[in-house]
PDB file of all heavy atoms in Angstrom:
ATOM      1  N   CYS A   1      45.752 -25.614 -11.887  1.00  0.00           N
ATOM      2  CA  CYS A   1      44.901 -26.292 -12.836  1.00  0.00           C
ATOM      3  C   CYS A   1      45.594 -26.224 -14.268  1.00  0.00           C
ATOM      4  O   CYS A   1      45.615 -27.167 -15.016  1.00  0.00           O
ATOM      5  CB  CYS A   1      43.537 -25.571 -12.891  1.00  0.00           C
ATOM      6  SG  CYS A   1      42.347 -26.230 -14.111  1.00  0.00           S
ATOM      7  N   ALA A   2      46.098 -25.060 -14.549  1.00  0.00           N
ATOM      8  CA  ALA A   2      46.741 -24.908 -15.913  1.00  0.00           C
ATOM      9  C   ALA A   2      48.011 -25.850 -15.984  1.00  0.00           C
ATOM     10  O   ALA A   2      48.265 -26.419 -16.997  1.00  0.00           O
ATOM     11  CB  ALA A   2      47.216 -23.465 -16.111  1.00  0.00           C
ATOM     12  N   TYR A   3      48.714 -25.868 -14.923  1.00  0.00           N
ATOM     13  CA  TYR A   3      49.881 -26.851 -14.853  1.00  0.00           C
ATOM     14  C   TYR A   3      49.449 -28.289 -15.152  1.00  0.00           C
ATOM     15  O   TYR A   3      50.084 -28.940 -15.914  1.00  0.00           O
ATOM     16  CB  TYR A   3      50.592 -26.702 -13.455  1.00  0.00           C
ATOM     17  CG  TYR A   3      51.795 -27.540 -13.286  1.00  0.00           C
ATOM     18  CD1 TYR A   3      53.019 -27.101 -13.717  1.00  0.00           C
ATOM     19  CD2 TYR A   3      51.676 -28.845 -12.724  1.00  0.00           C
ATOM     20  CE1 TYR A   3      54.166 -27.861 -13.546  1.00  0.00           C
ATOM     21  CE2 TYR A   3      52.785 -29.617 -12.514  1.00  0.00           C
ATOM     22  CZ  TYR A   3      54.059 -29.187 -12.975  1.00  0.00           C
ATOM     23  OH  TYR A   3      55.158 -29.966 -12.818  1.00  0.00           O
ATOM     24  N   ALA A   4      48.359 -28.707 -14.566  1.00  0.00           N
ATOM     25  CA  ALA A   4      47.855 -30.019 -14.728  1.00  0.00           C
ATOM     26  C   ALA A   4      47.414 -30.244 -16.168  1.00  0.00           C
ATOM     27  O   ALA A   4      47.737 -31.283 -16.788  1.00  0.00           O
ATOM     28  CB  ALA A   4      46.680 -30.309 -13.783  1.00  0.00           C
ATOM     29  N   LYS A   5      46.721 -29.234 -16.731  1.00  0.00           N
ATOM     30  CA  LYS A   5      46.288 -29.320 -18.139  1.00  0.00           C
ATOM     31  C   LYS A   5      47.428 -29.435 -19.151  1.00  0.00           C
ATOM     32  O   LYS A   5      47.386 -30.186 -20.053  1.00  0.00           O
ATOM     33  CB  LYS A   5      45.473 -28.001 -18.489  1.00  0.00           C
ATOM     34  CG  LYS A   5      44.107 -27.973 -17.917  1.00  0.00           C
ATOM     35  CD  LYS A   5      43.477 -26.607 -18.329  1.00  0.00           C
ATOM     36  CE  LYS A   5      42.109 -26.440 -17.617  1.00  0.00           C
ATOM     37  NZ  LYS A   5      41.454 -25.199 -17.895  1.00  0.00           N
ATOM     38  N   TYR A   6      48.469 -28.679 -18.858  1.00  0.00           N
ATOM     39  CA  TYR A   6      49.535 -28.640 -19.941  1.00  0.00           C
ATOM     40  C   TYR A   6      50.701 -29.555 -19.686  1.00  0.00           C
ATOM     41  O   TYR A   6      51.626 -29.696 -20.549  1.00  0.00           O
ATOM     42  CB  TYR A   6      50.028 -27.173 -20.074  1.00  0.00           C
ATOM     43  CG  TYR A   6      49.035 -26.319 -20.652  1.00  0.00           C
ATOM     44  CD1 TYR A   6      48.249 -25.361 -19.878  1.00  0.00           C
ATOM     45  CD2 TYR A   6      48.588 -26.409 -21.992  1.00  0.00           C
ATOM     46  CE1 TYR A   6      47.253 -24.613 -20.396  1.00  0.00           C
ATOM     47  CE2 TYR A   6      47.581 -25.681 -22.573  1.00  0.00           C
ATOM     48  CZ  TYR A   6      46.934 -24.770 -21.758  1.00  0.00           C
ATOM     49  OH  TYR A   6      45.900 -24.011 -22.313  1.00  0.00           O
ATOM     50  N   THR A   7      50.742 -30.180 -18.489  1.00  0.00           N
ATOM     51  CA  THR A   7      51.838 -31.175 -18.239  1.00  0.00           C
ATOM     52  C   THR A   7      51.368 -32.586 -17.998  1.00  0.00           C
ATOM     53  O   THR A   7      52.194 -33.498 -17.999  1.00  0.00           O
ATOM     54  CB  THR A   7      52.580 -30.772 -16.919  1.00  0.00           C
ATOM     55  OG1 THR A   7      51.742 -30.843 -15.815  1.00  0.00           O
ATOM     56  CG2 THR A   7      53.173 -29.350 -17.026  1.00  0.00           C
ATOM     57  N   ASN A   8      50.060 -32.792 -17.849  1.00  0.00           N
ATOM     58  CA  ASN A   8      49.459 -34.034 -17.495  1.00  0.00           C
ATOM     59  C   ASN A   8      50.000 -34.626 -16.176  1.00  0.00           C
ATOM     60  O   ASN A   8      50.125 -35.815 -16.007  1.00  0.00           O
ATOM     61  CB  ASN A   8      49.669 -35.071 -18.635  1.00  0.00           C
ATOM     62  CG  ASN A   8      48.914 -34.697 -19.826  1.00  0.00           C
ATOM     63  OD1 ASN A   8      47.728 -34.391 -19.776  1.00  0.00           O
ATOM     64  ND2 ASN A   8      49.597 -34.762 -21.092  1.00  0.00           N
ATOM     65  N   LYS A   9      50.325 -33.696 -15.272  1.00  0.00           N
ATOM     66  CA  LYS A   9      50.840 -34.065 -13.950  1.00  0.00           C
ATOM     67  C   LYS A   9      49.940 -33.428 -12.872  1.00  0.00           C
ATOM     68  O   LYS A   9      49.013 -32.602 -13.252  1.00  0.00           O
ATOM     69  CB  LYS A   9      52.256 -33.455 -13.720  1.00  0.00           C
ATOM     70  CG  LYS A   9      53.331 -34.050 -14.631  1.00  0.00           C
ATOM     71  CD  LYS A   9      54.700 -33.386 -14.367  1.00  0.00           C
ATOM     72  CE  LYS A   9      55.761 -33.956 -15.267  1.00  0.00           C
ATOM     73  NZ  LYS A   9      57.095 -33.349 -14.962  1.00  0.00           N
ATOM     74  N   LEU A  10      50.094 -33.860 -11.683  1.00  0.00           N
ATOM     75  CA  LEU A  10      49.298 -33.335 -10.573  1.00  0.00           C
ATOM     76  C   LEU A  10      49.630 -31.858 -10.396  1.00  0.00           C
ATOM     77  O   LEU A  10      50.818 -31.562 -10.167  1.00  0.00           O
ATOM     78  CB  LEU A  10      49.572 -34.138  -9.323  1.00  0.00           C
ATOM     79  CG  LEU A  10      48.805 -33.788  -8.058  1.00  0.00           C
ATOM     80  CD1 LEU A  10      47.312 -33.949  -8.292  1.00  0.00           C
ATOM     81  CD2 LEU A  10      49.327 -34.621  -6.872  1.00  0.00           C
ATOM     82  N   GLY A  11      48.618 -31.030 -10.392  1.00  0.00           N
ATOM     83  CA  GLY A  11      48.761 -29.662  -9.990  1.00  0.00           C
ATOM     84  C   GLY A  11      48.528 -29.506  -8.509  1.00  0.00           C
ATOM     85  O   GLY A  11      47.669 -30.096  -7.931  1.00  0.00           O
ATOM     86  N   VAL A  12      49.338 -28.681  -7.788  1.00  0.00           N
ATOM     87  CA  VAL A  12      49.237 -28.511  -6.387  1.00  0.00           C
ATOM     88  C   VAL A  12      49.225 -27.090  -5.997  1.00  0.00           C
ATOM     89  O   VAL A  12      50.067 -26.265  -6.511  1.00  0.00           O
ATOM     90  CB  VAL A  12      50.323 -29.231  -5.618  1.00  0.00           C
ATOM     91  CG1 VAL A  12      50.228 -29.055  -4.107  1.00  0.00           C
ATOM     92  CG2 VAL A  12      50.426 -30.745  -6.013  1.00  0.00           C
ATOM     93  N   CYS A  13      48.243 -26.738  -5.156  1.00  0.00           N
ATOM     94  CA  CYS A  13      48.186 -25.335  -4.620  1.00  0.00           C
ATOM     95  C   CYS A  13      48.016 -25.325  -3.145  1.00  0.00           C
ATOM     96  O   CYS A  13      47.504 -26.332  -2.572  1.00  0.00           O
ATOM     97  CB  CYS A  13      47.092 -24.517  -5.337  1.00  0.00           C
ATOM     98  SG  CYS A  13      45.412 -25.215  -5.169  1.00  0.00           S
ATOM     99  N   VAL A  14      48.476 -24.344  -2.529  1.00  0.00           N
ATOM    100  CA  VAL A  14      48.405 -24.214  -1.067  1.00  0.00           C
ATOM    101  C   VAL A  14      48.016 -22.798  -0.685  1.00  0.00           C
ATOM    102  O   VAL A  14      48.338 -21.822  -1.274  1.00  0.00           O
ATOM    103  CB  VAL A  14      49.807 -24.568  -0.441  1.00  0.00           C
ATOM    104  CG1 VAL A  14      50.878 -23.570  -0.801  1.00  0.00           C
ATOM    105  CG2 VAL A  14      49.752 -24.685   1.077  1.00  0.00           C
ATOM    106  N   ALA A  15      47.144 -22.779   0.412  1.00  0.00           N
ATOM    107  CA  ALA A  15      46.678 -21.550   0.944  1.00  0.00           C
ATOM    108  C   ALA A  15      46.416 -21.635   2.456  1.00  0.00           C
ATOM    109  O   ALA A  15      46.254 -22.738   2.972  1.00  0.00           O
ATOM    110  CB  ALA A  15      45.324 -21.125   0.265  1.00  0.00           C
ATOM    111  N   THR A  16      46.413 -20.536   3.107  1.00  0.00           N
ATOM    112  CA  THR A  16      46.296 -20.484   4.579  1.00  0.00           C
ATOM    113  C   THR A  16      44.848 -20.797   4.928  1.00  0.00           C
ATOM    114  O   THR A  16      43.960 -21.117   4.069  1.00  0.00           O
ATOM    115  CB  THR A  16      46.773 -19.166   5.121  1.00  0.00           C
ATOM    116  OG1 THR A  16      46.894 -19.291   6.558  1.00  0.00           O
ATOM    117  CG2 THR A  16      45.925 -17.976   4.684  1.00  0.00           C
ATOM    118  N   SER A  17      44.509 -20.672   6.164  1.00  0.00           N
ATOM    119  CA  SER A  17      43.185 -20.975   6.702  1.00  0.00           C
ATOM    120  C   SER A  17      42.185 -19.885   6.349  1.00  0.00           C
ATOM    121  O   SER A  17      42.528 -18.798   5.847  1.00  0.00           O
ATOM    122  CB  SER A  17      43.243 -21.111   8.248  1.00  0.00           C
ATOM    123  OG  SER A  17      43.831 -19.891   8.808  1.00  0.00           O
ATOM    124  N   GLY A  18      40.918 -20.189   6.613  1.00  0.00           N
ATOM    125  CA  GLY A  18      39.843 -19.202   6.496  1.00  0.00           C
ATOM    126  C   GLY A  18      39.717 -18.667   5.104  1.00  0.00           C
ATOM    127  O   GLY A  18      39.692 -19.403   4.128  1.00  0.00           O
ATOM    128  N   PRO A  19      39.704 -17.293   4.932  1.00  0.00           N
ATOM    129  CA  PRO A  19      39.484 -16.690   3.677  1.00  0.00           C
ATOM    130  C   PRO A  19      40.522 -17.040   2.656  1.00  0.00           C
ATOM    131  O   PRO A  19      40.249 -17.138   1.440  1.00  0.00           O
ATOM    132  CB  PRO A  19      39.527 -15.200   4.021  1.00  0.00           C
ATOM    133  CG  PRO A  19      39.118 -15.066   5.367  1.00  0.00           C
ATOM    134  CD  PRO A  19      39.722 -16.308   6.091  1.00  0.00           C
ATOM    135  N   GLY A  20      41.724 -17.268   3.112  1.00  0.00           N
ATOM    136  CA  GLY A  20      42.850 -17.688   2.212  1.00  0.00           C
ATOM    137  C   GLY A  20      42.420 -18.948   1.339  1.00  0.00           C
ATOM    138  O   GLY A  20      42.616 -19.057   0.209  1.00  0.00           O
ATOM    139  N   GLY A  21      41.959 -19.945   2.158  1.00  0.00           N
ATOM    140  CA  GLY A  21      41.534 -21.168   1.504  1.00  0.00           C
ATOM    141  C   GLY A  21      40.296 -20.983   0.645  1.00  0.00           C
ATOM    142  O   GLY A  21      40.189 -21.593  -0.423  1.00  0.00           O
ATOM    143  N   ILE A  22      39.380 -20.165   1.091  1.00  0.00           N
ATOM    144  CA  ILE A  22      38.140 -19.916   0.303  1.00  0.00           C
ATOM    145  C   ILE A  22      38.521 -19.299  -1.073  1.00  0.00           C
ATOM    146  O   ILE A  22      37.852 -19.635  -2.059  1.00  0.00           O
ATOM    147  CB  ILE A  22      37.184 -18.982   1.088  1.00  0.00           C
ATOM    148  CG1 ILE A  22      36.656 -19.667   2.283  1.00  0.00           C
ATOM    149  CG2 ILE A  22      36.073 -18.458   0.188  1.00  0.00           C
ATOM    150  CD1 ILE A  22      35.918 -18.799   3.257  1.00  0.00           C
ATOM    151  N   HIS A  23      39.543 -18.489  -1.086  1.00  0.00           N
ATOM    152  CA  HIS A  23      39.930 -17.905  -2.383  1.00  0.00           C
ATOM    153  C   HIS A  23      40.374 -18.892  -3.449  1.00  0.00           C
ATOM    154  O   HIS A  23      40.486 -18.561  -4.618  1.00  0.00           O
ATOM    155  CB  HIS A  23      41.098 -16.834  -2.206  1.00  0.00           C
ATOM    156  CG  HIS A  23      40.598 -15.591  -1.508  1.00  0.00           C
ATOM    157  ND1 HIS A  23      39.576 -14.840  -2.007  1.00  0.00           N
ATOM    158  CD2 HIS A  23      41.113 -14.931  -0.377  1.00  0.00           C
ATOM    159  CE1 HIS A  23      39.421 -13.726  -1.204  1.00  0.00           C
ATOM    160  NE2 HIS A  23      40.382 -13.862  -0.260  1.00  0.00           N
ATOM    161  N   LEU A  24      40.675 -20.132  -3.020  1.00  0.00           N
ATOM    162  CA  LEU A  24      41.122 -21.176  -3.972  1.00  0.00           C
ATOM    163  C   LEU A  24      39.905 -21.688  -4.833  1.00  0.00           C
ATOM    164  O   LEU A  24      40.134 -22.262  -5.913  1.00  0.00           O
ATOM    165  CB  LEU A  24      41.715 -22.356  -3.359  1.00  0.00           C
ATOM    166  CG  LEU A  24      43.040 -22.153  -2.528  1.00  0.00           C
ATOM    167  CD1 LEU A  24      43.388 -23.455  -1.829  1.00  0.00           C
ATOM    168  CD2 LEU A  24      44.151 -21.762  -3.502  1.00  0.00           C
ATOM    169  N   LEU A  25      38.670 -21.417  -4.372  1.00  0.00           N
ATOM    170  CA  LEU A  25      37.547 -22.142  -4.972  1.00  0.00           C
ATOM    171  C   LEU A  25      37.389 -21.899  -6.514  1.00  0.00           C
ATOM    172  O   LEU A  25      37.037 -22.900  -7.190  1.00  0.00           O
ATOM    173  CB  LEU A  25      36.252 -21.818  -4.213  1.00  0.00           C
ATOM    174  CG  LEU A  25      36.188 -22.499  -2.803  1.00  0.00           C
ATOM    175  CD1 LEU A  25      34.960 -21.888  -2.105  1.00  0.00           C
ATOM    176  CD2 LEU A  25      36.198 -23.934  -2.880  1.00  0.00           C
ATOM    177  N   ASN A  26      37.468 -20.673  -6.960  1.00  0.00           N
ATOM    178  CA  ASN A  26      37.272 -20.458  -8.435  1.00  0.00           C
ATOM    179  C   ASN A  26      38.198 -21.355  -9.266  1.00  0.00           C
ATOM    180  O   ASN A  26      37.745 -21.922 -10.197  1.00  0.00           O
ATOM    181  CB  ASN A  26      37.442 -19.020  -8.761  1.00  0.00           C
ATOM    182  CG  ASN A  26      36.215 -18.136  -8.518  1.00  0.00           C
ATOM    183  OD1 ASN A  26      35.145 -18.693  -8.410  1.00  0.00           O
ATOM    184  ND2 ASN A  26      36.445 -16.895  -8.246  1.00  0.00           N
ATOM    185  N   GLY A  27      39.466 -21.334  -8.930  1.00  0.00           N
ATOM    186  CA  GLY A  27      40.389 -22.158  -9.704  1.00  0.00           C
ATOM    187  C   GLY A  27      40.156 -23.660  -9.536  1.00  0.00           C
ATOM    188  O   GLY A  27      40.368 -24.413 -10.451  1.00  0.00           O
ATOM    189  N   LEU A  28      39.706 -24.059  -8.342  1.00  0.00           N
ATOM    190  CA  LEU A  28      39.429 -25.471  -8.141  1.00  0.00           C
ATOM    191  C   LEU A  28      38.151 -25.924  -8.895  1.00  0.00           C
ATOM    192  O   LEU A  28      38.148 -27.034  -9.381  1.00  0.00           O
ATOM    193  CB  LEU A  28      39.234 -25.750  -6.673  1.00  0.00           C
ATOM    194  CG  LEU A  28      40.571 -25.510  -5.797  1.00  0.00           C
ATOM    195  CD1 LEU A  28      40.341 -25.804  -4.383  1.00  0.00           C
ATOM    196  CD2 LEU A  28      41.770 -26.377  -6.366  1.00  0.00           C
ATOM    197  N   TYR A  29      37.192 -25.026  -9.003  1.00  0.00           N
ATOM    198  CA  TYR A  29      36.085 -25.354  -9.806  1.00  0.00           C
ATOM    199  C   TYR A  29      36.434 -25.525 -11.298  1.00  0.00           C
ATOM    200  O   TYR A  29      35.905 -26.332 -12.087  1.00  0.00           O
ATOM    201  CB  TYR A  29      34.925 -24.387  -9.640  1.00  0.00           C
ATOM    202  CG  TYR A  29      33.999 -24.790  -8.506  1.00  0.00           C
ATOM    203  CD1 TYR A  29      34.056 -24.183  -7.217  1.00  0.00           C
ATOM    204  CD2 TYR A  29      33.076 -25.902  -8.624  1.00  0.00           C
ATOM    205  CE1 TYR A  29      33.243 -24.589  -6.188  1.00  0.00           C
ATOM    206  CE2 TYR A  29      32.326 -26.306  -7.574  1.00  0.00           C
ATOM    207  CZ  TYR A  29      32.386 -25.668  -6.377  1.00  0.00           C
ATOM    208  OH  TYR A  29      31.604 -26.041  -5.329  1.00  0.00           O
TER     209      TYR A  29
END
């Protein structure tokens, strides 16, 4: 998200299945 904000480019993140993916939610919101 910060990368997208400061570069005006697409920010990309990757996480594993289950709880790993769930942990992305705060930053995605």
